[in-house]
Amino acid sequence: VEGTGNSFFARAESASAVLGNFSILPG
């Protein structure tokens, strides 16, 4: 974000995720 002047407001939000499911054998 960026802002210029005598009165302003700016906001940015971002998010991401990765997920994996695994079957782990004995040992």
PDB file of all heavy atoms in Angstrom:
ATOM      1  N   VAL A   1       0.841  -1.193   0.000  1.00  0.00           N
ATOM      2  CA  VAL A   1       0.000   0.000   0.000  1.00  0.00           C
ATOM      3  C   VAL A   1       0.873   1.240   0.000  1.00  0.00           C
ATOM      4  O   VAL A   1       2.023   1.220   0.449  1.00  0.00           O
ATOM      5  CB  VAL A   1      -0.948   0.046   1.221  1.00  0.00           C
ATOM      6  CG1 VAL A   1      -1.952  -1.085   1.182  1.00  0.00           C
ATOM      7  CG2 VAL A   1      -0.161   0.021   2.526  1.00  0.00           C
ATOM      8  N   GLU A   2       0.294   2.345  -0.514  1.00  0.00           N
ATOM      9  CA  GLU A   2       0.959   3.641  -0.437  1.00  0.00           C
ATOM     10  C   GLU A   2      -0.092   4.730  -0.403  1.00  0.00           C
ATOM     11  O   GLU A   2      -1.206   4.560  -0.910  1.00  0.00           O
ATOM     12  CB  GLU A   2       1.908   3.834  -1.618  1.00  0.00           C
ATOM     13  CG  GLU A   2       1.263   3.690  -2.976  1.00  0.00           C
ATOM     14  CD  GLU A   2       2.285   3.760  -4.088  1.00  0.00           C
ATOM     15  OE1 GLU A   2       3.412   4.240  -3.842  1.00  0.00           O
ATOM     16  OE2 GLU A   2       1.971   3.337  -5.212  1.00  0.00           O
ATOM     17  N   GLY A   3       0.259   5.850   0.218  1.00  0.00           N
ATOM     18  CA  GLY A   3      -0.671   6.962   0.314  1.00  0.00           C
ATOM     19  C   GLY A   3       0.055   8.285   0.295  1.00  0.00           C
ATOM     20  O   GLY A   3       1.164   8.405   0.815  1.00  0.00           O
ATOM     21  N   THR A   4      -0.581   9.275  -0.337  1.00  0.00           N
ATOM     22  CA  THR A   4      -0.019  10.617  -0.420  1.00  0.00           C
ATOM     23  C   THR A   4      -1.143  11.620  -0.220  1.00  0.00           C
ATOM     24  O   THR A   4      -2.245  11.440  -0.734  1.00  0.00           O
ATOM     25  CB  THR A   4       0.637  10.852  -1.792  1.00  0.00           C
ATOM     26  OG1 THR A   4       1.640   9.871  -2.021  1.00  0.00           O
ATOM     27  CG2 THR A   4       1.278  12.240  -1.848  1.00  0.00           C
ATOM     28  N   GLY A   5      -0.871  12.665   0.526  1.00  0.00           N
ATOM     29  CA  GLY A   5      -1.874  13.702   0.724  1.00  0.00           C
ATOM     30  C   GLY A   5      -1.993  14.087   2.182  1.00  0.00           C
ATOM     31  O   GLY A   5      -1.169  13.706   3.016  1.00  0.00           O
ATOM     32  N   ASN A   6      -3.058  14.835   2.478  1.00  0.00           N
ATOM     33  CA  ASN A   6      -3.215  15.318   3.856  1.00  0.00           C
ATOM     34  C   ASN A   6      -4.179  14.480   4.679  1.00  0.00           C
ATOM     35  O   ASN A   6      -4.322  14.688   5.865  1.00  0.00           O
ATOM     36  CB  ASN A   6      -3.648  16.783   3.859  1.00  0.00           C
ATOM     37  CG  ASN A   6      -4.955  16.996   3.110  1.00  0.00           C
ATOM     38  OD1 ASN A   6      -5.580  16.034   2.659  1.00  0.00           O
ATOM     39  ND2 ASN A   6      -5.360  18.254   2.975  1.00  0.00           N
ATOM     40  N   SER A   7      -4.860  13.513   4.027  1.00  0.00           N
ATOM     41  CA  SER A   7      -5.754  12.641   4.783  1.00  0.00           C
ATOM     42  C   SER A   7      -6.077  11.418   3.934  1.00  0.00           C
ATOM     43  O   SER A   7      -6.648  11.548   2.846  1.00  0.00           O
ATOM     44  CB  SER A   7      -7.040  13.383   5.145  1.00  0.00           C
ATOM     45  OG  SER A   7      -7.869  12.570   5.952  1.00  0.00           O
ATOM     46  N   PHE A   8      -5.683  10.241   4.405  1.00  0.00           N
ATOM     47  CA  PHE A   8      -5.918   9.033   3.619  1.00  0.00           C
ATOM     48  C   PHE A   8      -5.827   7.801   4.509  1.00  0.00           C
ATOM     49  O   PHE A   8      -5.308   7.850   5.627  1.00  0.00           O
ATOM     50  CB  PHE A   8      -4.916   8.917   2.467  1.00  0.00           C
ATOM     51  CG  PHE A   8      -3.474   8.906   2.904  1.00  0.00           C
ATOM     52  CD1 PHE A   8      -2.863   7.748   3.358  1.00  0.00           C
ATOM     53  CD2 PHE A   8      -2.733  10.081   2.880  1.00  0.00           C
ATOM     54  CE1 PHE A   8      -1.543   7.735   3.770  1.00  0.00           C
ATOM     55  CE2 PHE A   8      -1.406  10.092   3.298  1.00  0.00           C
ATOM     56  CZ  PHE A   8      -0.809   8.910   3.741  1.00  0.00           C
ATOM     57  N   PHE A   9      -6.322   6.706   3.991  1.00  0.00           N
ATOM     58  CA  PHE A   9      -6.204   5.404   4.638  1.00  0.00           C
ATOM     59  C   PHE A   9      -6.224   4.331   3.555  1.00  0.00           C
ATOM     60  O   PHE A   9      -7.056   4.364   2.655  1.00  0.00           O
ATOM     61  CB  PHE A   9      -7.355   5.160   5.617  1.00  0.00           C
ATOM     62  CG  PHE A   9      -7.363   3.769   6.198  1.00  0.00           C
ATOM     63  CD1 PHE A   9      -6.543   3.438   7.257  1.00  0.00           C
ATOM     64  CD2 PHE A   9      -8.173   2.776   5.665  1.00  0.00           C
ATOM     65  CE1 PHE A   9      -6.532   2.152   7.793  1.00  0.00           C
ATOM     66  CE2 PHE A   9      -8.174   1.498   6.183  1.00  0.00           C
ATOM     67  CZ  PHE A   9      -7.356   1.182   7.250  1.00  0.00           C
ATOM     68  N   ALA A  10      -5.292   3.399   3.615  1.00  0.00           N
ATOM     69  CA  ALA A  10      -5.273   2.275   2.674  1.00  0.00           C
ATOM     70  C   ALA A  10      -4.750   1.044   3.390  1.00  0.00           C
ATOM     71  O   ALA A  10      -3.839   1.132   4.218  1.00  0.00           O
ATOM     72  CB  ALA A  10      -4.399   2.589   1.465  1.00  0.00           C
ATOM     73  N   ARG A  11      -5.328  -0.093   3.084  1.00  0.00           N
ATOM     74  CA  ARG A  11      -4.942  -1.350   3.721  1.00  0.00           C
ATOM     75  C   ARG A  11      -5.068  -2.484   2.722  1.00  0.00           C
ATOM     76  O   ARG A  11      -5.999  -2.510   1.912  1.00  0.00           O
ATOM     77  CB  ARG A  11      -5.827  -1.635   4.940  1.00  0.00           C
ATOM     78  CG  ARG A  11      -5.487  -2.942   5.679  1.00  0.00           C
ATOM     79  CD  ARG A  11      -6.413  -3.149   6.865  1.00  0.00           C
ATOM     80  NE  ARG A  11      -6.155  -4.410   7.539  1.00  0.00           N
ATOM     81  CZ  ARG A  11      -5.278  -4.581   8.526  1.00  0.00           C
ATOM     82  NH1 ARG A  11      -4.572  -3.556   8.941  1.00  0.00           N
ATOM     83  NH2 ARG A  11      -5.106  -5.754   9.094  1.00  0.00           N
ATOM     84  N   ALA A  12      -4.138  -3.414   2.756  1.00  0.00           N
ATOM     85  CA  ALA A  12      -4.205  -4.620   1.936  1.00  0.00           C
ATOM     86  C   ALA A  12      -3.908  -5.826   2.810  1.00  0.00           C
ATOM     87  O   ALA A  12      -3.029  -5.774   3.675  1.00  0.00           O
ATOM     88  CB  ALA A  12      -3.206  -4.548   0.780  1.00  0.00           C
ATOM     89  N   GLU A  13      -4.648  -6.893   2.609  1.00  0.00           N
ATOM     90  CA  GLU A  13      -4.466  -8.144   3.352  1.00  0.00           C
ATOM     91  C   GLU A  13      -4.383  -9.294   2.359  1.00  0.00           C
ATOM     92  O   GLU A  13      -5.110  -9.329   1.363  1.00  0.00           O
ATOM     93  CB  GLU A  13      -5.645  -8.379   4.301  1.00  0.00           C
ATOM     94  CG  GLU A  13      -5.895  -7.272   5.298  1.00  0.00           C
ATOM     95  CD  GLU A  13      -7.208  -7.459   6.048  1.00  0.00           C
ATOM     96  OE1 GLU A  13      -7.884  -8.476   5.799  1.00  0.00           O
ATOM     97  OE2 GLU A  13      -7.558  -6.584   6.845  1.00  0.00           O
ATOM     98  N   SER A  14      -3.525 -10.238   2.630  1.00  0.00           N
ATOM     99  CA  SER A  14      -3.404 -11.413   1.781  1.00  0.00           C
ATOM    100  C   SER A  14      -3.073 -12.625   2.640  1.00  0.00           C
ATOM    101  O   SER A  14      -2.451 -12.497   3.693  1.00  0.00           O
ATOM    102  CB  SER A  14      -2.318 -11.207   0.720  1.00  0.00           C
ATOM    103  OG  SER A  14      -1.087 -10.837   1.327  1.00  0.00           O
ATOM    104  N   ALA A  15      -3.498 -13.784   2.183  1.00  0.00           N
ATOM    105  CA  ALA A  15      -3.253 -15.007   2.936  1.00  0.00           C
ATOM    106  C   ALA A  15      -3.306 -16.191   1.986  1.00  0.00           C
ATOM    107  O   ALA A  15      -4.036 -16.172   0.986  1.00  0.00           O
ATOM    108  CB  ALA A  15      -4.278 -15.182   4.050  1.00  0.00           C
ATOM    109  N   SER A  16      -2.539 -17.215   2.282  1.00  0.00           N
ATOM    110  CA  SER A  16      -2.577 -18.441   1.482  1.00  0.00           C
ATOM    111  C   SER A  16      -2.153 -19.619   2.355  1.00  0.00           C
ATOM    112  O   SER A  16      -1.472 -19.449   3.367  1.00  0.00           O
ATOM    113  CB  SER A  16      -1.676 -18.333   0.246  1.00  0.00           C
ATOM    114  OG  SER A  16      -0.322 -18.133   0.613  1.00  0.00           O
ATOM    115  N   ALA A  17      -2.561 -20.798   1.940  1.00  0.00           N
ATOM    116  CA  ALA A  17      -2.263 -22.004   2.719  1.00  0.00           C
ATOM    117  C   ALA A  17      -2.183 -23.209   1.797  1.00  0.00           C
ATOM    118  O   ALA A  17      -2.860 -23.268   0.762  1.00  0.00           O
ATOM    119  CB  ALA A  17      -3.333 -22.235   3.786  1.00  0.00           C
ATOM    120  N   VAL A  18      -1.340 -24.157   2.174  1.00  0.00           N
ATOM    121  CA  VAL A  18      -1.297 -25.459   1.502  1.00  0.00           C
ATOM    122  C   VAL A  18      -1.379 -26.541   2.572  1.00  0.00           C
ATOM    123  O   VAL A  18      -0.844 -26.388   3.677  1.00  0.00           O
ATOM    124  CB  VAL A  18      -0.019 -25.644   0.657  1.00  0.00           C
ATOM    125  CG1 VAL A  18      -0.041 -24.718  -0.549  1.00  0.00           C
ATOM    126  CG2 VAL A  18       1.243 -25.408   1.482  1.00  0.00           C
ATOM    127  N   LEU A  19      -2.063 -27.618   2.244  1.00  0.00           N
ATOM    128  CA  LEU A  19      -2.252 -28.710   3.198  1.00  0.00           C
ATOM    129  C   LEU A  19      -2.215 -30.037   2.467  1.00  0.00           C
ATOM    130  O   LEU A  19      -2.805 -30.189   1.401  1.00  0.00           O
ATOM    131  CB  LEU A  19      -3.575 -28.546   3.940  1.00  0.00           C
ATOM    132  CG  LEU A  19      -3.883 -29.568   5.038  1.00  0.00           C
ATOM    133  CD1 LEU A  19      -4.687 -28.922   6.152  1.00  0.00           C
ATOM    134  CD2 LEU A  19      -4.662 -30.752   4.471  1.00  0.00           C
ATOM    135  N   GLY A  20      -1.505 -30.998   3.047  1.00  0.00           N
ATOM    136  CA  GLY A  20      -1.450 -32.342   2.485  1.00  0.00           C
ATOM    137  C   GLY A  20      -1.717 -33.381   3.545  1.00  0.00           C
ATOM    138  O   GLY A  20      -1.307 -33.231   4.710  1.00  0.00           O
ATOM    139  N   ASN A  21      -2.423 -34.424   3.155  1.00  0.00           N
ATOM    140  CA  ASN A  21      -2.738 -35.540   4.054  1.00  0.00           C
ATOM    141  C   ASN A  21      -1.881 -36.747   3.667  1.00  0.00           C
ATOM    142  O   ASN A  21      -1.827 -37.124   2.486  1.00  0.00           O
ATOM    143  CB  ASN A  21      -4.223 -35.881   3.928  1.00  0.00           C
ATOM    144  CG  ASN A  21      -4.604 -37.055   4.805  1.00  0.00           C
ATOM    145  OD1 ASN A  21      -4.496 -36.999   6.010  1.00  0.00           O
ATOM    146  ND2 ASN A  21      -5.038 -38.135   4.164  1.00  0.00           N
ATOM    147  N   PHE A  22      -1.211 -37.374   4.648  1.00  0.00           N
ATOM    148  CA  PHE A  22      -0.284 -38.465   4.383  1.00  0.00           C
ATOM    149  C   PHE A  22      -0.588 -39.662   5.278  1.00  0.00           C
ATOM    150  O   PHE A  22      -0.881 -39.484   6.464  1.00  0.00           O
ATOM    151  CB  PHE A  22       1.162 -38.022   4.627  1.00  0.00           C
ATOM    152  CG  PHE A  22       1.606 -36.880   3.762  1.00  0.00           C
ATOM    153  CD1 PHE A  22       1.320 -35.565   4.139  1.00  0.00           C
ATOM    154  CD2 PHE A  22       2.316 -37.095   2.600  1.00  0.00           C
ATOM    155  CE1 PHE A  22       1.724 -34.494   3.357  1.00  0.00           C
ATOM    156  CE2 PHE A  22       2.728 -36.037   1.806  1.00  0.00           C
ATOM    157  CZ  PHE A  22       2.429 -34.738   2.182  1.00  0.00           C
ATOM    158  N   SER A  23      -0.492 -40.847   4.712  1.00  0.00           N
ATOM    159  CA  SER A  23      -0.637 -42.093   5.474  1.00  0.00           C
ATOM    160  C   SER A  23       0.755 -42.674   5.698  1.00  0.00           C
ATOM    161  O   SER A  23       1.422 -43.105   4.749  1.00  0.00           O
ATOM    162  CB  SER A  23      -1.509 -43.094   4.715  1.00  0.00           C
ATOM    163  OG  SER A  23      -2.817 -42.597   4.548  1.00  0.00           O
ATOM    164  N   ILE A  24       1.194 -42.674   6.951  1.00  0.00           N
ATOM    165  CA  ILE A  24       2.546 -43.108   7.293  1.00  0.00           C
ATOM    166  C   ILE A  24       2.490 -44.542   7.820  1.00  0.00           C
ATOM    167  O   ILE A  24       1.799 -44.827   8.808  1.00  0.00           O
ATOM    168  CB  ILE A  24       3.182 -42.182   8.341  1.00  0.00           C
ATOM    169  CG1 ILE A  24       3.034 -40.719   7.904  1.00  0.00           C
ATOM    170  CG2 ILE A  24       4.636 -42.546   8.548  1.00  0.00           C
ATOM    171  CD1 ILE A  24       3.659 -40.392   6.579  1.00  0.00           C
ATOM    172  N   LEU A  25       3.219 -45.440   7.179  1.00  0.00           N
ATOM    173  CA  LEU A  25       3.220 -46.850   7.552  1.00  0.00           C
ATOM    174  C   LEU A  25       4.026 -47.076   8.828  1.00  0.00           C
ATOM    175  O   LEU A  25       4.868 -46.246   9.197  1.00  0.00           O
ATOM    176  CB  LEU A  25       3.790 -47.687   6.412  1.00  0.00           C
ATOM    177  CG  LEU A  25       3.060 -47.590   5.072  1.00  0.00           C
ATOM    178  CD1 LEU A  25       3.787 -48.410   4.010  1.00  0.00           C
ATOM    179  CD2 LEU A  25       1.616 -48.027   5.209  1.00  0.00           C
ATOM    180  N   PRO A  26       3.801 -48.186   9.535  1.00  0.00           N
ATOM    181  CA  PRO A  26       4.570 -48.484  10.752  1.00  0.00           C
ATOM    182  C   PRO A  26       6.074 -48.459  10.490  1.00  0.00           C
ATOM    183  O   PRO A  26       6.557 -49.065   9.526  1.00  0.00           O
ATOM    184  CB  PRO A  26       4.092 -49.894  11.123  1.00  0.00           C
ATOM    185  CG  PRO A  26       2.706 -49.977  10.559  1.00  0.00           C
ATOM    186  CD  PRO A  26       2.751 -49.200   9.281  1.00  0.00           C
ATOM    187  N   GLY A  27       6.801 -47.719  11.316  1.00  0.00           N
ATOM    188  CA  GLY A  27       8.241 -47.623  11.181  1.00  0.00           C
ATOM    189  C   GLY A  27       8.712 -46.702  10.072  1.00  0.00           C
ATOM    190  O   GLY A  27       9.924 -46.545   9.875  1.00  0.00           O
TER     191      GLY A  27
END
